[in-house]
Amino acid sequence: MLKSGFRYRRGVTAMATIQTQVSATIAATTKDQLDRFTQELGLKKNFVVEQALLYFMQARRELPDEAFIPSRMVVDGDAFGRVATMLQARSEPSAALRELMRGDEN
């Protein structure tokens, strides 16, 4: 919807008159997801990318850094092996974990 030179979409506005092109290298799986998403919803890719950037930049301005948790963790082979071993081991929950899960407050 165009109104007074601004495009409105769920609270995010963008100038509709001056446009430029940007280039970015993304993972093939991300591109596949974008393709499917835009196809299913009948949206243009440039619109989705612009809105995502606007939302992301607004969130970074408004939220503290602690709110942004990395979406992936990179570990070396040794650390991965230790994590896998710990996940496969059957161990009893600690007293602290039991207390946390009960929701007891001190």
C-alpha atoms as a PDB file:
ATOM      1  CA  MET A   1       0.000   0.000   0.000  1.00  0.00           C
ATOM      2  CA  LEU A   2       1.456   3.362  -1.008  1.00  0.00           C
ATOM      3  CA  LYS A   3       0.591   6.430   1.043  1.00  0.00           C
ATOM      4  CA  SER A   4       2.393   9.779   1.027  1.00  0.00           C
ATOM      5  CA  GLY A   5       5.535   8.309  -0.536  1.00  0.00           C
ATOM      6  CA  PHE A   6       6.001   5.673   2.190  1.00  0.00           C
ATOM      7  CA  ARG A   7       5.259   1.960   2.053  1.00  0.00           C
ATOM      8  CA  TYR A   8       3.574   0.718   5.228  1.00  0.00           C
ATOM      9  CA  ARG A   9       3.858  -2.904   6.341  1.00  0.00           C
ATOM     10  CA  ARG A  10       3.280  -4.007   9.939  1.00  0.00           C
ATOM     11  CA  GLY A  11       4.719  -0.883  11.497  1.00  0.00           C
ATOM     12  CA  VAL A  12       7.876  -0.606   9.407  1.00  0.00           C
ATOM     13  CA  THR A  13       8.128   2.197   6.881  1.00  0.00           C
ATOM     14  CA  ALA A  14      10.445   2.515   3.920  1.00  0.00           C
ATOM     15  CA  MET A  15      10.962   5.262   1.383  1.00  0.00           C
ATOM     16  CA  ALA A  16       9.378   4.136  -1.862  1.00  0.00           C
ATOM     17  CA  THR A  17      10.897   6.746  -4.150  1.00  0.00           C
ATOM     18  CA  ILE A  18      14.701   6.435  -4.013  1.00  0.00           C
ATOM     19  CA  GLN A  19      16.031   2.925  -4.536  1.00  0.00           C
ATOM     20  CA  THR A  20      19.482   1.398  -4.785  1.00  0.00           C
ATOM     21  CA  GLN A  21      20.808  -2.118  -5.212  1.00  0.00           C
ATOM     22  CA  VAL A  22      22.867  -4.046  -2.669  1.00  0.00           C
ATOM     23  CA  SER A  23      24.703  -7.319  -3.070  1.00  0.00           C
ATOM     24  CA  ALA A  24      25.209  -9.979  -0.412  1.00  0.00           C
ATOM     25  CA  THR A  25      26.496 -13.526  -0.364  1.00  0.00           C
ATOM     26  CA  ILE A  26      24.218 -15.856   1.604  1.00  0.00           C
ATOM     27  CA  ALA A  27      24.053 -19.597   2.223  1.00  0.00           C
ATOM     28  CA  ALA A  28      22.355 -21.652  -0.477  1.00  0.00           C
ATOM     29  CA  THR A  29      19.894 -22.983   2.115  1.00  0.00           C
ATOM     30  CA  THR A  30      18.948 -19.433   3.105  1.00  0.00           C
ATOM     31  CA  LYS A  31      18.292 -18.559  -0.538  1.00  0.00           C
ATOM     32  CA  ASP A  32      16.163 -21.692  -0.931  1.00  0.00           C
ATOM     33  CA  GLN A  33      14.134 -20.695   2.131  1.00  0.00           C
ATOM     34  CA  LEU A  34      13.709 -17.166   0.759  1.00  0.00           C
ATOM     35  CA  ASP A  35      12.593 -18.539  -2.607  1.00  0.00           C
ATOM     36  CA  ARG A  36      10.006 -20.842  -1.018  1.00  0.00           C
ATOM     37  CA  PHE A  37       8.810 -18.158   1.410  1.00  0.00           C
ATOM     38  CA  THR A  38       8.264 -15.523  -1.272  1.00  0.00           C
ATOM     39  CA  GLN A  39       6.666 -18.053  -3.632  1.00  0.00           C
ATOM     40  CA  GLU A  40       4.218 -19.287  -0.978  1.00  0.00           C
ATOM     41  CA  LEU A  41       3.183 -15.793   0.107  1.00  0.00           C
ATOM     42  CA  GLY A  42       3.297 -14.187  -3.330  1.00  0.00           C
ATOM     43  CA  LEU A  43       5.807 -11.546  -2.227  1.00  0.00           C
ATOM     44  CA  LYS A  44       8.725  -9.991  -4.076  1.00  0.00           C
ATOM     45  CA  LYS A  45      12.163 -10.946  -2.763  1.00  0.00           C
ATOM     46  CA  ASN A  46      13.368  -7.344  -2.674  1.00  0.00           C
ATOM     47  CA  PHE A  47      10.417  -6.406  -0.450  1.00  0.00           C
ATOM     48  CA  VAL A  48      11.071  -9.279   1.979  1.00  0.00           C
ATOM     49  CA  VAL A  49      14.809  -8.537   2.167  1.00  0.00           C
ATOM     50  CA  GLU A  50      14.233  -4.803   2.718  1.00  0.00           C
ATOM     51  CA  GLN A  51      11.653  -5.419   5.443  1.00  0.00           C
ATOM     52  CA  ALA A  52      13.922  -7.964   7.153  1.00  0.00           C
ATOM     53  CA  LEU A  53      16.809  -5.482   7.143  1.00  0.00           C
ATOM     54  CA  LEU A  54      14.621  -2.719   8.550  1.00  0.00           C
ATOM     55  CA  TYR A  55      13.286  -4.970  11.322  1.00  0.00           C
ATOM     56  CA  PHE A  56      16.792  -6.204  12.156  1.00  0.00           C
ATOM     57  CA  MET A  57      18.312  -2.715  12.309  1.00  0.00           C
ATOM     58  CA  GLN A  58      15.431  -1.420  14.424  1.00  0.00           C
ATOM     59  CA  ALA A  59      15.790  -4.353  16.830  1.00  0.00           C
ATOM     60  CA  ARG A  60      19.553  -3.779  17.137  1.00  0.00           C
ATOM     61  CA  ARG A  61      18.927  -0.131  18.005  1.00  0.00           C
ATOM     62  CA  GLU A  62      16.211  -0.855  20.565  1.00  0.00           C
ATOM     63  CA  LEU A  63      17.404  -4.040  22.285  1.00  0.00           C
ATOM     64  CA  PRO A  64      20.540  -4.618  24.360  1.00  0.00           C
ATOM     65  CA  ASP A  65      23.324  -6.761  22.923  1.00  0.00           C
ATOM     66  CA  GLU A  66      22.465  -9.512  25.420  1.00  0.00           C
ATOM     67  CA  ALA A  67      19.162 -10.047  23.588  1.00  0.00           C
ATOM     68  CA  PHE A  68      20.980 -11.344  20.515  1.00  0.00           C
ATOM     69  CA  ILE A  69      22.119 -14.905  21.050  1.00  0.00           C
ATOM     70  CA  PRO A  70      24.167 -16.450  18.233  1.00  0.00           C
ATOM     71  CA  SER A  71      22.088 -18.874  16.181  1.00  0.00           C
ATOM     72  CA  ARG A  72      24.893 -21.413  15.957  1.00  0.00           C
ATOM     73  CA  MET A  73      27.843 -22.583  17.972  1.00  0.00           C
ATOM     74  CA  VAL A  74      31.159 -23.641  16.468  1.00  0.00           C
ATOM     75  CA  VAL A  75      33.253 -26.178  18.361  1.00  0.00           C
ATOM     76  CA  ASP A  76      36.330 -28.170  17.434  1.00  0.00           C
ATOM     77  CA  GLY A  77      36.202 -31.950  16.999  1.00  0.00           C
ATOM     78  CA  ASP A  78      37.370 -32.730  20.538  1.00  0.00           C
ATOM     79  CA  ALA A  79      34.771 -30.480  22.144  1.00  0.00           C
ATOM     80  CA  PHE A  80      32.067 -31.932  19.890  1.00  0.00           C
ATOM     81  CA  GLY A  81      33.033 -35.438  20.990  1.00  0.00           C
ATOM     82  CA  ARG A  82      32.816 -34.470  24.666  1.00  0.00           C
ATOM     83  CA  VAL A  83      29.401 -32.858  24.158  1.00  0.00           C
ATOM     84  CA  ALA A  84      28.127 -35.921  22.269  1.00  0.00           C
ATOM     85  CA  THR A  85      29.363 -38.215  25.051  1.00  0.00           C
ATOM     86  CA  MET A  86      27.694 -36.101  27.734  1.00  0.00           C
ATOM     87  CA  LEU A  87      24.411 -36.063  25.797  1.00  0.00           C
ATOM     88  CA  GLN A  88      24.412 -39.850  25.465  1.00  0.00           C
ATOM     89  CA  ALA A  89      25.282 -40.497  29.122  1.00  0.00           C
ATOM     90  CA  ARG A  90      22.392 -41.172  31.475  1.00  0.00           C
ATOM     91  CA  SER A  91      22.972 -39.124  34.596  1.00  0.00           C
ATOM     92  CA  GLU A  92      20.753 -38.113  37.453  1.00  0.00           C
ATOM     93  CA  PRO A  93      19.751 -34.448  37.571  1.00  0.00           C
ATOM     94  CA  SER A  94      21.622 -32.346  40.101  1.00  0.00           C
ATOM     95  CA  ALA A  95      19.920 -30.844  43.139  1.00  0.00           C
ATOM     96  CA  ALA A  96      20.229 -27.416  41.544  1.00  0.00           C
ATOM     97  CA  LEU A  97      18.482 -28.625  38.378  1.00  0.00           C
ATOM     98  CA  ARG A  98      15.696 -30.269  40.379  1.00  0.00           C
ATOM     99  CA  GLU A  99      15.168 -27.046  42.323  1.00  0.00           C
ATOM    100  CA  LEU A 100      15.144 -25.009  39.135  1.00  0.00           C
ATOM    101  CA  MET A 101      12.593 -27.293  37.482  1.00  0.00           C
ATOM    102  CA  ARG A 102      10.334 -27.232  40.559  1.00  0.00           C
ATOM    103  CA  GLY A 103      10.302 -23.466  40.394  1.00  0.00           C
ATOM    104  CA  ASP A 104      11.228 -23.066  44.065  1.00  0.00           C
ATOM    105  CA  GLU A 105      12.166 -19.511  44.900  1.00  0.00           C
ATOM    106  CA  ASN A 106      14.522 -18.626  47.736  1.00  0.00           C
END
